């Protein structure tokens, strides 16, 4: 049986201020896969990944003339595929989707159960939709890339701490890494206060002399550095990371890592879409970590990072959300919730 749904996407690369940059269409869902859930989407959030995909779109991105954006979503399972074992119809879920399938900006959405978690019971759909992509990214950096454990000791520098990933990473470190001190970058007193409330022991202003500020706190250098802004920064990072330290980055492009060689500093790329796109044997790890995140939320040890909720979900409100994220000045996450 063919299923159609309302979807919001784009047909051409246009500035977000253009009313045609995001448009609403009725589309037919593809055939579900064995591990798929059909989810009734209640809320979505907008990430820099959405903005980047739309801004970089070219003709090859529109083989069918229309592309649906969206990664983060929270909603209710409508039906399940033949091989599904983790969820049942009626379950409330949250997830971040994947880059190689249609996005979540649609009323009904197909997603593999192995990258879906139970929605935190203590959160609304809107508050839950802010968390999946950033939580997966922060978790994979701390525990998969850096290999940290509750016994790990040292100092973590989070560059861009008031953004979506950084504001979750600070909380995860506070909740699960008791022996790790966190230095967080923030450009204003208000942002510094926000990130201290989430658990950062120290804040520094990345618009100032970052090297001097960080080495004043950690004279031997930091053990781990996370960054969403690594371009042209590696010589600086080489100064503030200790010998045999580690760096993880989530932004794009090749990097000349030669400045890191003298200190034998390890460089990691982190892309939270690797598991679902590559269909790795441990793909279900994203389901497991999202369930753990839900536990932490319901235990009061992790809070949503939504700072702006817009309603309802339509082309105009999603354009508004994209414009906010595209400005680069948002703190936390922007969510769009509820259909007309």
C-alpha atoms as a PDB file:
ATOM      1  CA  UNK A   1       0.000   0.000   0.000  1.00  0.00           C
ATOM      2  CA  UNK A   2       1.384   3.392  -0.978  1.00  0.00           C
ATOM      3  CA  UNK A   3       1.625   5.896   1.877  1.00  0.00           C
ATOM      4  CA  UNK A   4       1.796   9.631   1.247  1.00  0.00           C
ATOM      5  CA  UNK A   5       2.807  12.303   3.706  1.00  0.00           C
ATOM      6  CA  UNK A   6       3.296  16.047   3.957  1.00  0.00           C
ATOM      7  CA  UNK A   7       6.985  16.935   3.680  1.00  0.00           C
ATOM      8  CA  UNK A   8       9.022  20.142   3.717  1.00  0.00           C
ATOM      9  CA  UNK A   9      12.155  20.343   1.626  1.00  0.00           C
ATOM     10  CA  UNK A  10      13.896  22.187  -1.180  1.00  0.00           C
ATOM     11  CA  UNK A  11      14.004  22.075  -4.947  1.00  0.00           C
ATOM     12  CA  UNK A  12      16.898  24.452  -5.623  1.00  0.00           C
ATOM     13  CA  UNK A  13      19.792  26.161  -3.877  1.00  0.00           C
ATOM     14  CA  UNK A  14      18.243  29.469  -2.774  1.00  0.00           C
ATOM     15  CA  UNK A  15      18.962  31.923   0.076  1.00  0.00           C
ATOM     16  CA  UNK A  16      16.889  31.078   3.135  1.00  0.00           C
ATOM     17  CA  UNK A  17      15.215  34.496   2.895  1.00  0.00           C
ATOM     18  CA  UNK A  18      13.649  33.399  -0.410  1.00  0.00           C
ATOM     19  CA  UNK A  19      10.114  32.016   0.195  1.00  0.00           C
ATOM     20  CA  UNK A  20      10.924  29.195  -2.242  1.00  0.00           C
ATOM     21  CA  UNK A  21      14.036  28.053  -0.350  1.00  0.00           C
ATOM     22  CA  UNK A  22      11.918  25.570   1.646  1.00  0.00           C
ATOM     23  CA  UNK A  23       8.552  24.438   0.327  1.00  0.00           C
ATOM     24  CA  UNK A  24       5.797  21.994   1.287  1.00  0.00           C
ATOM     25  CA  UNK A  25       4.936  18.990  -0.871  1.00  0.00           C
ATOM     26  CA  UNK A  26       2.859  15.810  -0.609  1.00  0.00           C
ATOM     27  CA  UNK A  27       5.219  12.901  -1.259  1.00  0.00           C
ATOM     28  CA  UNK A  28       5.043   9.132  -1.397  1.00  0.00           C
ATOM     29  CA  UNK A  29       7.092   7.251   1.173  1.00  0.00           C
ATOM     30  CA  UNK A  30       9.589   4.679  -0.128  1.00  0.00           C
ATOM     31  CA  UNK A  31       9.026   0.996   0.620  1.00  0.00           C
ATOM     32  CA  UNK A  32       9.938   0.304   4.269  1.00  0.00           C
ATOM     33  CA  UNK A  33      12.919  -1.879   5.064  1.00  0.00           C
ATOM     34  CA  UNK A  34      12.760  -4.840   7.457  1.00  0.00           C
ATOM     35  CA  UNK A  35      14.229  -2.902  10.409  1.00  0.00           C
ATOM     36  CA  UNK A  36      12.239   0.289   9.730  1.00  0.00           C
ATOM     37  CA  UNK A  37       9.855   2.084  12.026  1.00  0.00           C
ATOM     38  CA  UNK A  38       7.180   4.327  10.582  1.00  0.00           C
ATOM     39  CA  UNK A  39       7.142   7.300  12.943  1.00  0.00           C
ATOM     40  CA  UNK A  40       4.542  10.035  13.283  1.00  0.00           C
ATOM     41  CA  UNK A  41       6.842  13.038  13.748  1.00  0.00           C
ATOM     42  CA  UNK A  42       5.790  15.464  16.497  1.00  0.00           C
ATOM     43  CA  UNK A  43       8.821  17.792  16.629  1.00  0.00           C
ATOM     44  CA  UNK A  44      12.110  18.372  14.809  1.00  0.00           C
ATOM     45  CA  UNK A  45      15.171  20.501  15.402  1.00  0.00           C
ATOM     46  CA  UNK A  46      17.426  22.296  12.953  1.00  0.00           C
ATOM     47  CA  UNK A  47      21.152  21.573  12.981  1.00  0.00           C
ATOM     48  CA  UNK A  48      24.101  23.166  11.182  1.00  0.00           C
ATOM     49  CA  UNK A  49      24.094  20.010   9.033  1.00  0.00           C
ATOM     50  CA  UNK A  50      20.686  21.014   7.633  1.00  0.00           C
ATOM     51  CA  UNK A  51      21.901  24.504   6.833  1.00  0.00           C
ATOM     52  CA  UNK A  52      25.101  23.213   5.228  1.00  0.00           C
ATOM     53  CA  UNK A  53      23.308  20.679   3.025  1.00  0.00           C
ATOM     54  CA  UNK A  54      20.863  23.256   1.741  1.00  0.00           C
ATOM     55  CA  UNK A  55      23.542  25.902   1.174  1.00  0.00           C
ATOM     56  CA  UNK A  56      25.824  23.511  -0.703  1.00  0.00           C
ATOM     57  CA  UNK A  57      23.133  21.894  -2.824  1.00  0.00           C
ATOM     58  CA  UNK A  58      23.684  21.469  -6.547  1.00  0.00           C
ATOM     59  CA  UNK A  59      21.625  19.989  -9.376  1.00  0.00           C
ATOM     60  CA  UNK A  60      22.786  16.444  -8.568  1.00  0.00           C
ATOM     61  CA  UNK A  61      21.076  16.707  -5.155  1.00  0.00           C
ATOM     62  CA  UNK A  62      17.652  16.778  -6.790  1.00  0.00           C
ATOM     63  CA  UNK A  63      17.339  13.596  -8.865  1.00  0.00           C
ATOM     64  CA  UNK A  64      13.627  13.525  -8.109  1.00  0.00           C
ATOM     65  CA  UNK A  65      13.258  17.301  -8.053  1.00  0.00           C
ATOM     66  CA  UNK A  66      12.743  17.537  -4.281  1.00  0.00           C
ATOM     67  CA  UNK A  67      14.854  16.777  -1.197  1.00  0.00           C
ATOM     68  CA  UNK A  68      13.518  16.533   2.358  1.00  0.00           C
ATOM     69  CA  UNK A  69      15.802  17.877   5.072  1.00  0.00           C
ATOM     70  CA  UNK A  70      15.845  17.159   8.788  1.00  0.00           C
ATOM     71  CA  UNK A  71      17.707  14.853  11.162  1.00  0.00           C
ATOM     72  CA  UNK A  72      16.531  15.254  14.756  1.00  0.00           C
ATOM     73  CA  UNK A  73      12.990  14.108  15.467  1.00  0.00           C
ATOM     74  CA  UNK A  74      10.734  12.995  18.286  1.00  0.00           C
ATOM     75  CA  UNK A  75       7.482  11.183  17.660  1.00  0.00           C
ATOM     76  CA  UNK A  76       5.295   8.088  18.017  1.00  0.00           C
ATOM     77  CA  UNK A  77       5.785   4.723  16.284  1.00  0.00           C
ATOM     78  CA  UNK A  78       2.902   4.079  13.884  1.00  0.00           C
ATOM     79  CA  UNK A  79       3.996   0.671  12.560  1.00  0.00           C
ATOM     80  CA  UNK A  80       7.049  -1.599  12.481  1.00  0.00           C
ATOM     81  CA  UNK A  81       8.922  -3.654   9.882  1.00  0.00           C
ATOM     82  CA  UNK A  82       9.130  -7.430   9.749  1.00  0.00           C
ATOM     83  CA  UNK A  83      12.510  -7.649  11.547  1.00  0.00           C
ATOM     84  CA  UNK A  84      11.867  -5.009  14.242  1.00  0.00           C
ATOM     85  CA  UNK A  85      12.421  -6.208  17.818  1.00  0.00           C
ATOM     86  CA  UNK A  86      13.168  -3.020  19.777  1.00  0.00           C
ATOM     87  CA  UNK A  87       9.883  -1.079  19.474  1.00  0.00           C
ATOM     88  CA  UNK A  88       6.139  -1.473  19.148  1.00  0.00           C
ATOM     89  CA  UNK A  89       3.407   0.749  17.712  1.00  0.00           C
ATOM     90  CA  UNK A  90       2.558   3.492  20.181  1.00  0.00           C
ATOM     91  CA  UNK A  91       6.095   3.825  21.572  1.00  0.00           C
ATOM     92  CA  UNK A  92       7.427   7.367  21.933  1.00  0.00           C
ATOM     93  CA  UNK A  93      10.876   7.714  20.361  1.00  0.00           C
ATOM     94  CA  UNK A  94      13.613  10.170  19.460  1.00  0.00           C
ATOM     95  CA  UNK A  95      16.431   9.874  16.937  1.00  0.00           C
ATOM     96  CA  UNK A  96      18.740  11.705  14.510  1.00  0.00           C
ATOM     97  CA  UNK A  97      18.122   9.828  11.263  1.00  0.00           C
ATOM     98  CA  UNK A  98      20.833   9.511   8.634  1.00  0.00           C
ATOM     99  CA  UNK A  99      22.265  11.546   5.805  1.00  0.00           C
ATOM    100  CA  UNK A 100      21.532   9.020   3.033  1.00  0.00           C
ATOM    101  CA  UNK A 101      17.742   8.753   3.519  1.00  0.00           C
ATOM    102  CA  UNK A 102      14.914  11.314   3.336  1.00  0.00           C
ATOM    103  CA  UNK A 103      14.878  13.692   6.286  1.00  0.00           C
ATOM    104  CA  UNK A 104      12.561  14.081   9.251  1.00  0.00           C
ATOM    105  CA  UNK A 105      10.753  17.247   8.131  1.00  0.00           C
ATOM    106  CA  UNK A 106       7.630  15.254   7.264  1.00  0.00           C
ATOM    107  CA  UNK A 107       4.558  14.036   9.143  1.00  0.00           C
ATOM    108  CA  UNK A 108       5.429  10.355   8.670  1.00  0.00           C
ATOM    109  CA  UNK A 109       9.041   9.203   8.529  1.00  0.00           C
ATOM    110  CA  UNK A 110      10.837   5.885   8.012  1.00  0.00           C
ATOM    111  CA  UNK A 111      13.900   5.195  10.185  1.00  0.00           C
ATOM    112  CA  UNK A 112      15.944   2.129  11.123  1.00  0.00           C
ATOM    113  CA  UNK A 113      15.148   0.977  14.680  1.00  0.00           C
ATOM    114  CA  UNK A 114      18.863   0.493  15.428  1.00  0.00           C
ATOM    115  CA  UNK A 115      19.485   4.257  15.481  1.00  0.00           C
ATOM    116  CA  UNK A 116      16.359   5.111  17.502  1.00  0.00           C
ATOM    117  CA  UNK A 117      16.024   5.545  21.276  1.00  0.00           C
ATOM    118  CA  UNK A 118      13.083   5.728  23.640  1.00  0.00           C
ATOM    119  CA  UNK A 119      11.982   9.320  24.194  1.00  0.00           C
ATOM    120  CA  UNK A 120      12.790  10.548  27.732  1.00  0.00           C
ATOM    121  CA  UNK A 121       9.521  10.215  29.633  1.00  0.00           C
ATOM    122  CA  UNK A 122      10.143  13.477  31.467  1.00  0.00           C
ATOM    123  CA  UNK A 123      10.431  15.576  28.293  1.00  0.00           C
ATOM    124  CA  UNK A 124       7.920  16.918  25.820  1.00  0.00           C
ATOM    125  CA  UNK A 125       8.374  15.988  22.178  1.00  0.00           C
ATOM    126  CA  UNK A 126       9.782  19.464  21.512  1.00  0.00           C
ATOM    127  CA  UNK A 127      12.359  19.248  24.299  1.00  0.00           C
ATOM    128  CA  UNK A 128      13.341  15.712  23.272  1.00  0.00           C
ATOM    129  CA  UNK A 129      13.820  16.674  19.609  1.00  0.00           C
ATOM    130  CA  UNK A 130      16.714  18.961  20.563  1.00  0.00           C
ATOM    131  CA  UNK A 131      18.903  16.134  21.829  1.00  0.00           C
ATOM    132  CA  UNK A 132      19.557  13.163  19.474  1.00  0.00           C
ATOM    133  CA  UNK A 133      22.131  14.379  16.930  1.00  0.00           C
ATOM    134  CA  UNK A 134      24.119  16.400  19.445  1.00  0.00           C
ATOM    135  CA  UNK A 135      23.980  13.666  22.086  1.00  0.00           C
ATOM    136  CA  UNK A 136      25.184  10.998  19.654  1.00  0.00           C
ATOM    137  CA  UNK A 137      28.023  13.235  18.468  1.00  0.00           C
ATOM    138  CA  UNK A 138      29.116  14.228  21.970  1.00  0.00           C
ATOM    139  CA  UNK A 139      28.875  10.634  23.235  1.00  0.00           C
ATOM    140  CA  UNK A 140      30.885   9.201  20.337  1.00  0.00           C
ATOM    141  CA  UNK A 141      33.603  11.845  20.798  1.00  0.00           C
ATOM    142  CA  UNK A 142      33.992  11.255  24.526  1.00  0.00           C
ATOM    143  CA  UNK A 143      33.621   7.480  24.699  1.00  0.00           C
ATOM    144  CA  UNK A 144      34.414   6.143  21.209  1.00  0.00           C
ATOM    145  CA  UNK A 145      37.011   8.583  19.844  1.00  0.00           C
ATOM    146  CA  UNK A 146      38.704   9.615  23.130  1.00  0.00           C
ATOM    147  CA  UNK A 147      37.967   6.325  24.903  1.00  0.00           C
ATOM    148  CA  UNK A 148      37.176   8.002  28.218  1.00  0.00           C
ATOM    149  CA  UNK A 149      35.901   6.066  31.246  1.00  0.00           C
ATOM    150  CA  UNK A 150      34.713   7.076  34.730  1.00  0.00           C
ATOM    151  CA  UNK A 151      38.323   6.580  35.869  1.00  0.00           C
ATOM    152  CA  UNK A 152      39.826   8.949  33.272  1.00  0.00           C
ATOM    153  CA  UNK A 153      41.663  11.931  34.799  1.00  0.00           C
ATOM    154  CA  UNK A 154      42.595  15.127  33.001  1.00  0.00           C
ATOM    155  CA  UNK A 155      41.295  18.272  31.345  1.00  0.00           C
ATOM    156  CA  UNK A 156      38.873  18.549  28.432  1.00  0.00           C
ATOM    157  CA  UNK A 157      38.649  21.745  26.363  1.00  0.00           C
ATOM    158  CA  UNK A 158      35.332  22.199  24.530  1.00  0.00           C
ATOM    159  CA  UNK A 159      35.636  24.803  21.764  1.00  0.00           C
ATOM    160  CA  UNK A 160      32.217  26.150  20.813  1.00  0.00           C
ATOM    161  CA  UNK A 161      30.714  24.945  24.073  1.00  0.00           C
ATOM    162  CA  UNK A 162      27.478  26.930  23.849  1.00  0.00           C
ATOM    163  CA  UNK A 163      26.471  25.246  20.585  1.00  0.00           C
ATOM    164  CA  UNK A 164      24.350  22.117  20.377  1.00  0.00           C
ATOM    165  CA  UNK A 165      27.104  19.488  20.632  1.00  0.00           C
ATOM    166  CA  UNK A 166      29.200  21.431  23.127  1.00  0.00           C
ATOM    167  CA  UNK A 167      26.318  22.031  25.531  1.00  0.00           C
ATOM    168  CA  UNK A 168      25.579  18.278  25.634  1.00  0.00           C
ATOM    169  CA  UNK A 169      29.254  17.305  25.877  1.00  0.00           C
ATOM    170  CA  UNK A 170      29.752  19.508  28.942  1.00  0.00           C
ATOM    171  CA  UNK A 171      26.767  17.830  30.614  1.00  0.00           C
ATOM    172  CA  UNK A 172      27.915  14.309  29.765  1.00  0.00           C
ATOM    173  CA  UNK A 173      31.352  15.039  31.195  1.00  0.00           C
ATOM    174  CA  UNK A 174      29.776  16.401  34.365  1.00  0.00           C
ATOM    175  CA  UNK A 175      27.470  13.373  34.713  1.00  0.00           C
ATOM    176  CA  UNK A 176      29.769  10.501  33.708  1.00  0.00           C
ATOM    177  CA  UNK A 177      33.394  11.664  34.004  1.00  0.00           C
ATOM    178  CA  UNK A 178      33.873  12.801  37.608  1.00  0.00           C
ATOM    179  CA  UNK A 179      37.654  13.086  37.356  1.00  0.00           C
ATOM    180  CA  UNK A 180      37.679  15.180  34.169  1.00  0.00           C
ATOM    181  CA  UNK A 181      37.766  18.986  34.440  1.00  0.00           C
ATOM    182  CA  UNK A 182      36.047  20.921  31.645  1.00  0.00           C
ATOM    183  CA  UNK A 183      37.223  24.196  30.140  1.00  0.00           C
ATOM    184  CA  UNK A 184      34.528  25.654  27.877  1.00  0.00           C
ATOM    185  CA  UNK A 185      34.798  28.517  25.397  1.00  0.00           C
ATOM    186  CA  UNK A 186      32.154  31.243  25.454  1.00  0.00           C
ATOM    187  CA  UNK A 187      32.231  34.658  23.796  1.00  0.00           C
ATOM    188  CA  UNK A 188      30.044  36.663  26.209  1.00  0.00           C
ATOM    189  CA  UNK A 189      29.380  36.714  29.971  1.00  0.00           C
ATOM    190  CA  UNK A 190      25.845  35.447  29.326  1.00  0.00           C
ATOM    191  CA  UNK A 191      27.106  32.474  27.319  1.00  0.00           C
ATOM    192  CA  UNK A 192      29.746  31.776  29.959  1.00  0.00           C
ATOM    193  CA  UNK A 193      27.087  31.697  32.662  1.00  0.00           C
ATOM    194  CA  UNK A 194      24.927  29.346  30.556  1.00  0.00           C
ATOM    195  CA  UNK A 195      27.720  26.841  30.086  1.00  0.00           C
ATOM    196  CA  UNK A 196      28.829  27.001  33.738  1.00  0.00           C
ATOM    197  CA  UNK A 197      25.261  26.126  34.710  1.00  0.00           C
ATOM    198  CA  UNK A 198      25.623  22.990  32.572  1.00  0.00           C
ATOM    199  CA  UNK A 199      28.726  21.885  34.471  1.00  0.00           C
ATOM    200  CA  UNK A 200      31.859  23.540  33.038  1.00  0.00           C
ATOM    201  CA  UNK A 201      34.437  24.221  35.760  1.00  0.00           C
ATOM    202  CA  UNK A 202      36.156  26.952  33.746  1.00  0.00           C
ATOM    203  CA  UNK A 203      35.228  29.255  30.865  1.00  0.00           C
ATOM    204  CA  UNK A 204      37.514  31.124  28.466  1.00  0.00           C
ATOM    205  CA  UNK A 205      36.755  33.612  25.704  1.00  0.00           C
ATOM    206  CA  UNK A 206      37.838  32.261  22.317  1.00  0.00           C
ATOM    207  CA  UNK A 207      37.841  35.810  20.924  1.00  0.00           C
ATOM    208  CA  UNK A 208      40.748  36.648  23.208  1.00  0.00           C
ATOM    209  CA  UNK A 209      44.179  35.036  23.657  1.00  0.00           C
ATOM    210  CA  UNK A 210      42.977  31.454  23.893  1.00  0.00           C
ATOM    211  CA  UNK A 211      46.466  30.009  24.405  1.00  0.00           C
ATOM    212  CA  UNK A 212      47.211  32.219  27.408  1.00  0.00           C
ATOM    213  CA  UNK A 213      43.802  31.656  28.964  1.00  0.00           C
ATOM    214  CA  UNK A 214      43.906  27.875  28.624  1.00  0.00           C
ATOM    215  CA  UNK A 215      47.518  27.443  29.757  1.00  0.00           C
ATOM    216  CA  UNK A 216      46.780  29.623  32.783  1.00  0.00           C
ATOM    217  CA  UNK A 217      44.264  26.960  33.823  1.00  0.00           C
ATOM    218  CA  UNK A 218      46.155  23.888  32.536  1.00  0.00           C
ATOM    219  CA  UNK A 219      49.874  24.830  32.409  1.00  0.00           C
ATOM    220  CA  UNK A 220      50.917  21.465  30.902  1.00  0.00           C
ATOM    221  CA  UNK A 221      48.192  21.649  28.273  1.00  0.00           C
ATOM    222  CA  UNK A 222      44.798  19.987  28.012  1.00  0.00           C
ATOM    223  CA  UNK A 223      44.434  16.235  27.549  1.00  0.00           C
ATOM    224  CA  UNK A 224      41.482  16.313  25.150  1.00  0.00           C
ATOM    225  CA  UNK A 225      40.156  19.014  22.844  1.00  0.00           C
ATOM    226  CA  UNK A 226      36.824  18.968  21.019  1.00  0.00           C
ATOM    227  CA  UNK A 227      36.180  21.505  18.278  1.00  0.00           C
ATOM    228  CA  UNK A 228      33.494  22.389  15.787  1.00  0.00           C
ATOM    229  CA  UNK A 229      35.805  25.032  14.271  1.00  0.00           C
ATOM    230  CA  UNK A 230      39.164  23.501  13.373  1.00  0.00           C
ATOM    231  CA  UNK A 231      39.984  25.315  10.128  1.00  0.00           C
ATOM    232  CA  UNK A 232      43.252  27.311  10.476  1.00  0.00           C
ATOM    233  CA  UNK A 233      43.389  26.415  14.182  1.00  0.00           C
ATOM    234  CA  UNK A 234      45.816  23.480  14.321  1.00  0.00           C
ATOM    235  CA  UNK A 235      48.967  25.500  15.126  1.00  0.00           C
ATOM    236  CA  UNK A 236      47.065  27.043  18.051  1.00  0.00           C
ATOM    237  CA  UNK A 237      45.738  23.670  19.180  1.00  0.00           C
ATOM    238  CA  UNK A 238      49.258  22.249  19.056  1.00  0.00           C
ATOM    239  CA  UNK A 239      50.235  24.832  21.678  1.00  0.00           C
ATOM    240  CA  UNK A 240      47.420  24.101  24.115  1.00  0.00           C
ATOM    241  CA  UNK A 241      47.194  20.281  23.884  1.00  0.00           C
ATOM    242  CA  UNK A 242      49.709  18.332  25.950  1.00  0.00           C
ATOM    243  CA  UNK A 243      52.069  15.751  24.430  1.00  0.00           C
ATOM    244  CA  UNK A 244      50.161  12.555  23.499  1.00  0.00           C
ATOM    245  CA  UNK A 245      46.863  14.413  23.844  1.00  0.00           C
ATOM    246  CA  UNK A 246      43.879  14.002  21.538  1.00  0.00           C
ATOM    247  CA  UNK A 247      41.758  16.288  19.334  1.00  0.00           C
ATOM    248  CA  UNK A 248      38.359  15.534  17.784  1.00  0.00           C
ATOM    249  CA  UNK A 249      36.738  17.709  15.115  1.00  0.00           C
ATOM    250  CA  UNK A 250      33.311  17.679  13.465  1.00  0.00           C
ATOM    251  CA  UNK A 251      33.694  20.376  10.808  1.00  0.00           C
ATOM    252  CA  UNK A 252      34.593  19.693   7.185  1.00  0.00           C
ATOM    253  CA  UNK A 253      37.589  19.819   4.909  1.00  0.00           C
ATOM    254  CA  UNK A 254      41.160  18.534   4.811  1.00  0.00           C
ATOM    255  CA  UNK A 255      43.493  19.632   7.588  1.00  0.00           C
ATOM    256  CA  UNK A 256      47.278  19.875   7.685  1.00  0.00           C
ATOM    257  CA  UNK A 257      47.981  17.945  10.883  1.00  0.00           C
ATOM    258  CA  UNK A 258      51.768  18.393  10.682  1.00  0.00           C
ATOM    259  CA  UNK A 259      51.758  20.922  13.582  1.00  0.00           C
ATOM    260  CA  UNK A 260      50.563  18.077  15.851  1.00  0.00           C
ATOM    261  CA  UNK A 261      53.470  15.739  15.063  1.00  0.00           C
ATOM    262  CA  UNK A 262      56.065  17.142  17.487  1.00  0.00           C
ATOM    263  CA  UNK A 263      53.803  16.326  20.441  1.00  0.00           C
ATOM    264  CA  UNK A 264      52.428  13.057  18.969  1.00  0.00           C
ATOM    265  CA  UNK A 265      48.919  14.472  19.270  1.00  0.00           C
ATOM    266  CA  UNK A 266      46.162  12.217  17.931  1.00  0.00           C
ATOM    267  CA  UNK A 267      43.631  13.679  15.463  1.00  0.00           C
ATOM    268  CA  UNK A 268      40.092  12.229  15.209  1.00  0.00           C
ATOM    269  CA  UNK A 269      37.278  12.961  12.794  1.00  0.00           C
ATOM    270  CA  UNK A 270      33.803  12.436  14.229  1.00  0.00           C
ATOM    271  CA  UNK A 271      30.746  11.928  12.001  1.00  0.00           C
ATOM    272  CA  UNK A 272      27.702  10.565  13.783  1.00  0.00           C
ATOM    273  CA  UNK A 273      26.273   9.321  10.467  1.00  0.00           C
ATOM    274  CA  UNK A 274      29.103   6.805   9.971  1.00  0.00           C
ATOM    275  CA  UNK A 275      27.318   3.913  11.698  1.00  0.00           C
ATOM    276  CA  UNK A 276      24.004   4.144   9.782  1.00  0.00           C
ATOM    277  CA  UNK A 277      25.525   5.077   6.427  1.00  0.00           C
ATOM    278  CA  UNK A 278      28.181   2.347   6.549  1.00  0.00           C
ATOM    279  CA  UNK A 279      25.784  -0.143   8.218  1.00  0.00           C
ATOM    280  CA  UNK A 280      28.540  -1.032  10.697  1.00  0.00           C
ATOM    281  CA  UNK A 281      28.196  -4.234  12.765  1.00  0.00           C
ATOM    282  CA  UNK A 282      27.788  -2.099  15.905  1.00  0.00           C
ATOM    283  CA  UNK A 283      25.108   0.149  14.414  1.00  0.00           C
ATOM    284  CA  UNK A 284      22.804  -0.653  17.334  1.00  0.00           C
ATOM    285  CA  UNK A 285      25.217   1.266  19.594  1.00  0.00           C
ATOM    286  CA  UNK A 286      23.340   4.444  18.629  1.00  0.00           C
ATOM    287  CA  UNK A 287      20.090   2.939  19.935  1.00  0.00           C
ATOM    288  CA  UNK A 288      21.848   1.950  23.150  1.00  0.00           C
ATOM    289  CA  UNK A 289      23.449   5.329  23.748  1.00  0.00           C
ATOM    290  CA  UNK A 290      20.187   7.193  23.053  1.00  0.00           C
ATOM    291  CA  UNK A 291      18.460   4.988  25.632  1.00  0.00           C
ATOM    292  CA  UNK A 292      21.266   5.841  28.069  1.00  0.00           C
ATOM    293  CA  UNK A 293      20.793   9.532  27.302  1.00  0.00           C
ATOM    294  CA  UNK A 294      17.063   9.134  28.006  1.00  0.00           C
ATOM    295  CA  UNK A 295      17.925   7.526  31.355  1.00  0.00           C
ATOM    296  CA  UNK A 296      20.225  10.430  32.250  1.00  0.00           C
ATOM    297  CA  UNK A 297      17.500  12.930  31.365  1.00  0.00           C
ATOM    298  CA  UNK A 298      14.873  11.123  33.428  1.00  0.00           C
ATOM    299  CA  UNK A 299      17.339  10.900  36.337  1.00  0.00           C
ATOM    300  CA  UNK A 300      17.800  14.682  36.216  1.00  0.00           C
ATOM    301  CA  UNK A 301      21.477  14.433  35.225  1.00  0.00           C
ATOM    302  CA  UNK A 302      21.093  15.755  31.669  1.00  0.00           C
ATOM    303  CA  UNK A 303      18.783  18.488  30.448  1.00  0.00           C
ATOM    304  CA  UNK A 304      17.467  19.500  27.076  1.00  0.00           C
ATOM    305  CA  UNK A 305      19.429  22.191  25.266  1.00  0.00           C
ATOM    306  CA  UNK A 306      16.469  23.740  23.422  1.00  0.00           C
ATOM    307  CA  UNK A 307      16.515  27.539  23.739  1.00  0.00           C
ATOM    308  CA  UNK A 308      13.904  28.401  21.092  1.00  0.00           C
ATOM    309  CA  UNK A 309      10.728  26.558  20.088  1.00  0.00           C
ATOM    310  CA  UNK A 310       8.726  27.641  17.045  1.00  0.00           C
ATOM    311  CA  UNK A 311       5.271  26.335  16.087  1.00  0.00           C
ATOM    312  CA  UNK A 312       3.743  24.859  14.005  1.00  0.00           C
ATOM    313  CA  UNK A 313       5.849  22.775  11.605  1.00  0.00           C
ATOM    314  CA  UNK A 314       5.545  24.278   8.132  1.00  0.00           C
ATOM    315  CA  UNK A 315       7.754  25.762   5.427  1.00  0.00           C
ATOM    316  CA  UNK A 316       7.665  29.260   6.913  1.00  0.00           C
ATOM    317  CA  UNK A 317       8.641  28.213  10.452  1.00  0.00           C
ATOM    318  CA  UNK A 318      11.403  25.943   9.178  1.00  0.00           C
ATOM    319  CA  UNK A 319      12.769  28.830   7.100  1.00  0.00           C
ATOM    320  CA  UNK A 320      12.748  30.918  10.280  1.00  0.00           C
ATOM    321  CA  UNK A 321      14.609  28.197  12.189  1.00  0.00           C
ATOM    322  CA  UNK A 322      17.165  27.803   9.391  1.00  0.00           C
ATOM    323  CA  UNK A 323      17.783  31.535   9.361  1.00  0.00           C
ATOM    324  CA  UNK A 324      18.444  31.511  13.110  1.00  0.00           C
ATOM    325  CA  UNK A 325      20.906  28.611  12.862  1.00  0.00           C
ATOM    326  CA  UNK A 326      22.525  30.064   9.750  1.00  0.00           C
ATOM    327  CA  UNK A 327      23.309  33.258  11.689  1.00  0.00           C
ATOM    328  CA  UNK A 328      25.831  31.329  13.811  1.00  0.00           C
ATOM    329  CA  UNK A 329      24.696  33.208  16.906  1.00  0.00           C
ATOM    330  CA  UNK A 330      22.315  30.672  18.427  1.00  0.00           C
ATOM    331  CA  UNK A 331      22.883  29.177  21.869  1.00  0.00           C
ATOM    332  CA  UNK A 332      21.711  25.582  22.282  1.00  0.00           C
ATOM    333  CA  UNK A 333      19.085  24.278  19.837  1.00  0.00           C
ATOM    334  CA  UNK A 334      16.177  25.609  17.782  1.00  0.00           C
ATOM    335  CA  UNK A 335      13.133  23.299  17.648  1.00  0.00           C
ATOM    336  CA  UNK A 336      10.029  23.377  15.447  1.00  0.00           C
ATOM    337  CA  UNK A 337       7.068  21.478  16.897  1.00  0.00           C
ATOM    338  CA  UNK A 338       3.477  20.494  16.124  1.00  0.00           C
ATOM    339  CA  UNK A 339       1.703  20.337  12.776  1.00  0.00           C
ATOM    340  CA  UNK A 340      -1.128  22.611  11.752  1.00  0.00           C
END
